[in-house]
N, C-alpha and C. Protein backbone atom coordinates (compact mmCIF):
# COMPACT_ATOMS: atom_id res chain seq x y z
N MET A 1 -11.43 -5.16 -1.71
CA MET A 1 -10.60 -5.75 -2.75
C MET A 1 -10.91 -5.09 -4.10
N LYS A 2 -12.19 -4.81 -4.37
CA LYS A 2 -12.56 -4.16 -5.62
C LYS A 2 -11.92 -2.78 -5.72
N THR A 3 -11.89 -2.07 -4.60
CA THR A 3 -11.27 -0.75 -4.57
C THR A 3 -9.80 -0.84 -4.93
N LEU A 4 -9.12 -1.79 -4.33
CA LEU A 4 -7.70 -1.96 -4.60
C LEU A 4 -7.46 -2.28 -6.06
N LEU A 5 -8.24 -3.16 -6.63
CA LEU A 5 -8.08 -3.53 -8.03
C LEU A 5 -8.35 -2.35 -8.96
N ALA A 6 -9.37 -1.55 -8.63
CA ALA A 6 -9.66 -0.36 -9.44
C ALA A 6 -8.50 0.62 -9.39
N LEU A 7 -7.93 0.81 -8.22
CA LEU A 7 -6.80 1.72 -8.08
C LEU A 7 -5.56 1.21 -8.79
N ILE A 8 -5.37 -0.08 -8.73
CA ILE A 8 -4.23 -0.68 -9.44
C ILE A 8 -4.36 -0.41 -10.94
N LEU A 9 -5.56 -0.53 -11.45
CA LEU A 9 -5.77 -0.23 -12.87
C LEU A 9 -5.45 1.22 -13.19
N LEU A 10 -5.88 2.14 -12.33
CA LEU A 10 -5.58 3.56 -12.54
C LEU A 10 -4.08 3.82 -12.54
N VAL A 11 -3.39 3.24 -11.57
CA VAL A 11 -1.93 3.42 -11.51
C VAL A 11 -1.28 2.82 -12.74
N SER A 12 -1.81 1.73 -13.22
CA SER A 12 -1.17 1.02 -14.32
C SER A 12 -1.10 1.84 -15.61
N PHE A 13 -2.02 2.77 -15.79
CA PHE A 13 -2.00 3.58 -17.01
C PHE A 13 -0.80 4.53 -17.05
N SER A 14 -0.23 4.85 -15.89
CA SER A 14 0.88 5.79 -15.85
C SER A 14 2.23 5.11 -15.69
N LEU A 15 2.26 3.79 -15.75
CA LEU A 15 3.50 3.07 -15.48
C LEU A 15 3.88 2.16 -16.65
N PRO A 16 5.16 1.85 -16.77
CA PRO A 16 5.57 0.88 -17.78
C PRO A 16 4.96 -0.50 -17.50
N ALA A 17 4.90 -1.33 -18.51
CA ALA A 17 4.24 -2.63 -18.39
C ALA A 17 4.80 -3.48 -17.26
N HIS A 18 6.12 -3.54 -17.09
CA HIS A 18 6.68 -4.39 -16.03
C HIS A 18 6.26 -3.90 -14.65
N ALA A 19 6.08 -2.59 -14.48
CA ALA A 19 5.64 -2.06 -13.19
C ALA A 19 4.19 -2.44 -12.91
N ASN A 20 3.36 -2.44 -13.93
CA ASN A 20 1.95 -2.83 -13.76
C ASN A 20 1.86 -4.22 -13.15
N LEU A 21 2.65 -5.13 -13.66
CA LEU A 21 2.61 -6.49 -13.16
C LEU A 21 2.99 -6.56 -11.69
N CYS A 22 3.95 -5.78 -11.30
CA CYS A 22 4.40 -5.78 -9.91
C CYS A 22 3.29 -5.32 -8.98
N VAL A 23 2.67 -4.20 -9.28
CA VAL A 23 1.62 -3.66 -8.42
C VAL A 23 0.45 -4.62 -8.35
N VAL A 24 0.04 -5.16 -9.47
CA VAL A 24 -1.09 -6.10 -9.51
C VAL A 24 -0.75 -7.35 -8.71
N ARG A 25 0.41 -7.93 -8.95
CA ARG A 25 0.81 -9.16 -8.26
C ARG A 25 0.90 -8.96 -6.76
N GLU A 26 1.60 -7.95 -6.33
CA GLU A 26 1.78 -7.71 -4.90
C GLU A 26 0.47 -7.32 -4.23
N GLY A 27 -0.29 -6.45 -4.86
CA GLY A 27 -1.57 -6.03 -4.27
C GLY A 27 -2.54 -7.18 -4.12
N GLN A 28 -2.68 -7.98 -5.14
CA GLN A 28 -3.60 -9.11 -5.08
C GLN A 28 -3.15 -10.16 -4.08
N TYR A 29 -1.85 -10.33 -3.94
CA TYR A 29 -1.35 -11.33 -3.02
C TYR A 29 -1.50 -10.88 -1.56
N TRP A 30 -1.04 -9.66 -1.25
CA TRP A 30 -0.96 -9.24 0.15
C TRP A 30 -2.23 -8.64 0.72
N TYR A 31 -3.02 -7.93 -0.07
CA TYR A 31 -4.19 -7.25 0.50
C TYR A 31 -5.12 -8.20 1.26
N PRO A 32 -5.56 -9.31 0.67
CA PRO A 32 -6.46 -10.20 1.43
C PRO A 32 -5.77 -10.82 2.65
N ARG A 33 -4.50 -11.09 2.56
CA ARG A 33 -3.78 -11.67 3.70
C ARG A 33 -3.69 -10.66 4.85
N LEU A 34 -3.40 -9.42 4.51
CA LEU A 34 -3.32 -8.40 5.56
C LEU A 34 -4.69 -8.17 6.20
N LYS A 35 -5.75 -8.18 5.40
CA LYS A 35 -7.10 -8.00 5.92
C LYS A 35 -7.45 -9.09 6.94
N SER A 36 -6.94 -10.29 6.74
CA SER A 36 -7.28 -11.40 7.63
C SER A 36 -6.38 -11.48 8.87
N MET A 37 -5.38 -10.64 8.97
CA MET A 37 -4.41 -10.73 10.07
C MET A 37 -4.81 -10.02 11.35
N GLN A 38 -5.93 -9.35 11.37
CA GLN A 38 -6.35 -8.65 12.58
C GLN A 38 -5.32 -7.59 13.00
N ILE A 39 -4.81 -6.85 12.03
CA ILE A 39 -3.92 -5.73 12.35
C ILE A 39 -4.70 -4.43 12.14
N THR A 40 -4.20 -3.36 12.68
CA THR A 40 -4.90 -2.09 12.54
C THR A 40 -4.88 -1.63 11.08
N ASP A 41 -5.82 -0.77 10.75
CA ASP A 41 -5.89 -0.22 9.40
C ASP A 41 -4.59 0.51 9.03
N LYS A 42 -4.05 1.25 9.98
CA LYS A 42 -2.82 2.01 9.71
C LYS A 42 -1.63 1.07 9.52
N ALA A 43 -1.57 -0.01 10.28
CA ALA A 43 -0.50 -0.99 10.10
C ALA A 43 -0.62 -1.66 8.73
N MET A 44 -1.85 -1.86 8.27
CA MET A 44 -2.05 -2.45 6.95
C MET A 44 -1.60 -1.49 5.85
N HIS A 45 -1.97 -0.21 5.97
CA HIS A 45 -1.51 0.78 5.00
C HIS A 45 0.02 0.83 4.97
N CYS A 46 0.60 0.90 6.14
CA CYS A 46 2.06 0.98 6.28
C CYS A 46 2.74 -0.24 5.66
N SER A 47 2.25 -1.42 5.98
CA SER A 47 2.89 -2.66 5.51
C SER A 47 2.80 -2.82 4.00
N LEU A 48 1.62 -2.57 3.44
CA LEU A 48 1.45 -2.73 2.00
C LEU A 48 2.28 -1.70 1.25
N SER A 49 2.31 -0.46 1.75
CA SER A 49 3.12 0.57 1.10
C SER A 49 4.60 0.23 1.18
N CYS A 50 5.02 -0.30 2.30
CA CYS A 50 6.41 -0.73 2.47
C CYS A 50 6.76 -1.82 1.46
N ASP A 51 5.92 -2.83 1.38
CA ASP A 51 6.17 -3.94 0.46
C ASP A 51 6.21 -3.47 -0.99
N LEU A 52 5.26 -2.61 -1.37
CA LEU A 52 5.23 -2.11 -2.74
C LEU A 52 6.47 -1.27 -3.04
N ALA A 53 6.93 -0.50 -2.07
CA ALA A 53 8.14 0.31 -2.27
C ALA A 53 9.38 -0.58 -2.43
N ILE A 54 9.40 -1.71 -1.76
CA ILE A 54 10.53 -2.64 -1.87
C ILE A 54 10.50 -3.38 -3.20
N LYS A 55 9.36 -3.97 -3.51
CA LYS A 55 9.29 -4.88 -4.66
C LYS A 55 8.95 -4.19 -5.98
N CYS A 56 8.28 -3.07 -5.92
CA CYS A 56 7.89 -2.37 -7.15
C CYS A 56 8.71 -1.09 -7.25
N SER A 57 8.19 -0.01 -6.70
CA SER A 57 8.96 1.23 -6.61
C SER A 57 8.29 2.16 -5.61
N ARG A 58 9.07 3.09 -5.13
CA ARG A 58 8.54 4.08 -4.20
C ARG A 58 7.43 4.88 -4.86
N PHE A 59 7.60 5.23 -6.13
CA PHE A 59 6.60 6.00 -6.86
C PHE A 59 5.28 5.25 -6.97
N GLU A 60 5.34 3.98 -7.30
CA GLU A 60 4.12 3.18 -7.41
C GLU A 60 3.40 3.09 -6.08
N SER A 61 4.14 2.87 -5.03
CA SER A 61 3.56 2.78 -3.70
C SER A 61 2.91 4.09 -3.31
N TRP A 62 3.59 5.18 -3.51
CA TRP A 62 3.08 6.52 -3.19
C TRP A 62 1.83 6.82 -3.99
N THR A 63 1.86 6.54 -5.29
CA THR A 63 0.74 6.82 -6.17
C THR A 63 -0.49 6.00 -5.79
N LEU A 64 -0.30 4.71 -5.53
CA LEU A 64 -1.43 3.86 -5.17
C LEU A 64 -2.08 4.34 -3.86
N GLY A 65 -1.27 4.73 -2.89
CA GLY A 65 -1.81 5.24 -1.63
C GLY A 65 -2.64 6.49 -1.82
N ARG A 66 -2.15 7.42 -2.64
CA ARG A 66 -2.89 8.66 -2.89
C ARG A 66 -4.18 8.39 -3.64
N LEU A 67 -4.10 7.55 -4.65
CA LEU A 67 -5.30 7.23 -5.42
C LEU A 67 -6.37 6.55 -4.56
N LYS A 68 -5.94 5.71 -3.66
CA LYS A 68 -6.90 5.04 -2.79
C LYS A 68 -7.65 6.05 -1.93
N GLU A 69 -6.94 7.02 -1.37
CA GLU A 69 -7.61 8.02 -0.54
C GLU A 69 -8.50 8.95 -1.36
N VAL A 70 -8.11 9.29 -2.57
CA VAL A 70 -8.97 10.08 -3.45
C VAL A 70 -10.23 9.29 -3.76
N PHE A 71 -10.08 8.02 -4.07
CA PHE A 71 -11.22 7.16 -4.34
C PHE A 71 -12.15 7.12 -3.12
N ASP A 72 -11.57 7.02 -1.93
CA ASP A 72 -12.37 6.97 -0.70
C ASP A 72 -13.19 8.24 -0.48
N LEU A 73 -12.74 9.36 -1.01
CA LEU A 73 -13.50 10.60 -0.89
C LEU A 73 -14.86 10.52 -1.58
N PHE A 74 -14.95 9.68 -2.61
CA PHE A 74 -16.15 9.63 -3.44
C PHE A 74 -17.00 8.38 -3.24
N VAL A 75 -16.63 7.52 -2.33
CA VAL A 75 -17.38 6.30 -2.07
C VAL A 75 -18.03 6.41 -0.69
N ASP A 76 -19.33 6.18 -0.62
CA ASP A 76 -20.07 6.35 0.63
C ASP A 76 -19.54 5.48 1.77
N GLU A 77 -19.28 4.21 1.51
CA GLU A 77 -18.84 3.30 2.57
C GLU A 77 -17.40 3.55 2.99
N ALA A 78 -16.63 4.17 2.14
CA ALA A 78 -15.20 4.37 2.42
C ALA A 78 -15.00 5.62 3.26
N ASP A 79 -13.86 5.67 3.91
CA ASP A 79 -13.55 6.78 4.79
C ASP A 79 -12.13 7.27 4.50
N ALA A 80 -12.05 8.35 3.75
CA ALA A 80 -10.74 8.91 3.44
C ALA A 80 -10.15 9.54 4.71
N GLU A 81 -8.89 9.24 4.95
CA GLU A 81 -8.24 9.77 6.15
C GLU A 81 -6.83 10.23 5.83
N TRP A 82 -6.49 11.40 6.34
CA TRP A 82 -5.13 11.90 6.21
C TRP A 82 -4.15 10.94 6.88
N ALA A 83 -4.57 10.35 7.99
CA ALA A 83 -3.70 9.42 8.73
C ALA A 83 -3.34 8.20 7.89
N ASP A 84 -4.18 7.81 6.94
CA ASP A 84 -3.84 6.70 6.05
C ASP A 84 -2.65 7.07 5.17
N LEU A 85 -2.63 8.32 4.70
CA LEU A 85 -1.50 8.78 3.88
C LEU A 85 -0.22 8.83 4.71
N VAL A 86 -0.35 9.24 5.95
CA VAL A 86 0.81 9.26 6.85
C VAL A 86 1.34 7.85 7.05
N ALA A 87 0.43 6.89 7.22
CA ALA A 87 0.84 5.48 7.38
C ALA A 87 1.48 4.95 6.10
N ASP A 88 0.94 5.32 4.94
CA ASP A 88 1.55 4.92 3.67
C ASP A 88 2.98 5.44 3.59
N ASP A 89 3.15 6.72 3.94
CA ASP A 89 4.48 7.33 3.89
C ASP A 89 5.45 6.68 4.88
N ALA A 90 4.93 6.28 6.03
CA ALA A 90 5.78 5.58 7.01
C ALA A 90 6.29 4.27 6.43
N GLY A 91 5.43 3.54 5.73
CA GLY A 91 5.84 2.29 5.11
C GLY A 91 6.88 2.51 4.02
N ILE A 92 6.68 3.54 3.22
CA ILE A 92 7.65 3.86 2.17
C ILE A 92 9.00 4.23 2.79
N SER A 93 8.95 4.98 3.88
CA SER A 93 10.19 5.36 4.57
C SER A 93 10.93 4.15 5.12
N LEU A 94 10.18 3.19 5.65
CA LEU A 94 10.82 1.96 6.15
C LEU A 94 11.57 1.26 5.02
N ALA A 95 10.96 1.22 3.85
CA ALA A 95 11.58 0.55 2.71
C ALA A 95 12.80 1.32 2.20
N THR A 96 12.66 2.63 2.04
CA THR A 96 13.76 3.41 1.47
C THR A 96 14.94 3.54 2.43
N SER A 97 14.66 3.48 3.73
CA SER A 97 15.76 3.56 4.71
C SER A 97 16.40 2.21 4.97
N LYS A 98 15.83 1.16 4.34
CA LYS A 98 16.32 -0.22 4.49
C LYS A 98 16.08 -0.79 5.88
N ARG A 99 15.17 -0.16 6.65
CA ARG A 99 14.80 -0.73 7.95
C ARG A 99 13.93 -1.97 7.76
N ALA A 100 13.35 -2.11 6.58
CA ALA A 100 12.57 -3.30 6.25
C ALA A 100 12.98 -3.73 4.85
N LEU A 101 13.26 -5.02 4.70
CA LEU A 101 13.73 -5.54 3.42
C LEU A 101 12.77 -6.55 2.79
N ASN A 102 11.70 -6.89 3.52
CA ASN A 102 10.69 -7.82 3.00
C ASN A 102 9.40 -7.61 3.78
N MET A 103 8.33 -8.28 3.38
CA MET A 103 7.03 -8.05 4.01
C MET A 103 7.04 -8.41 5.49
N LYS A 104 7.75 -9.45 5.87
CA LYS A 104 7.80 -9.83 7.29
C LYS A 104 8.36 -8.68 8.12
N GLU A 105 9.43 -8.07 7.63
CA GLU A 105 10.02 -6.93 8.34
C GLU A 105 9.13 -5.70 8.27
N CYS A 106 8.46 -5.51 7.14
CA CYS A 106 7.50 -4.39 7.02
C CYS A 106 6.41 -4.54 8.08
N LEU A 107 5.86 -5.72 8.19
CA LEU A 107 4.81 -5.99 9.19
C LEU A 107 5.32 -5.73 10.61
N ARG A 108 6.49 -6.25 10.91
CA ARG A 108 7.05 -6.08 12.25
C ARG A 108 7.24 -4.59 12.59
N GLU A 109 7.83 -3.86 11.67
CA GLU A 109 8.11 -2.44 11.93
C GLU A 109 6.83 -1.61 11.96
N CYS A 110 5.89 -1.92 11.07
CA CYS A 110 4.64 -1.17 11.05
C CYS A 110 3.80 -1.45 12.28
N ARG A 111 3.85 -2.66 12.78
CA ARG A 111 3.13 -2.97 14.04
C ARG A 111 3.74 -2.21 15.22
N LYS A 112 5.05 -1.98 15.18
CA LYS A 112 5.68 -1.19 16.24
C LYS A 112 5.16 0.26 16.19
N ILE A 113 4.99 0.77 14.98
CA ILE A 113 4.54 2.15 14.81
C ILE A 113 3.05 2.29 15.12
N TYR A 114 2.27 1.30 14.64
CA TYR A 114 0.80 1.37 14.77
C TYR A 114 0.28 0.22 15.60
């Protein structure tokens, strides 16, 4: 959770004020819920990226995913993975193609993929 909040702050410096609120609100709401759902790591990446692309913007979702993996490169306990970026992109694609229109649909579609 601390990692997510730190990344949200980094993203927020490059975004307009209304976008900051979206990323913070959605990230804080969904991240702990997804962690407790017993879904795969890739399904979690996919679902959160999908939701952020729907409710905030594709750019914010993409940026947060990249920053998280860069952060993971420098933290001992974290594990940066190319596959996480692929899962993030899959979630963004679900949102932009309109195959998912809300978090419930993001979860359903991401679970099919992962």
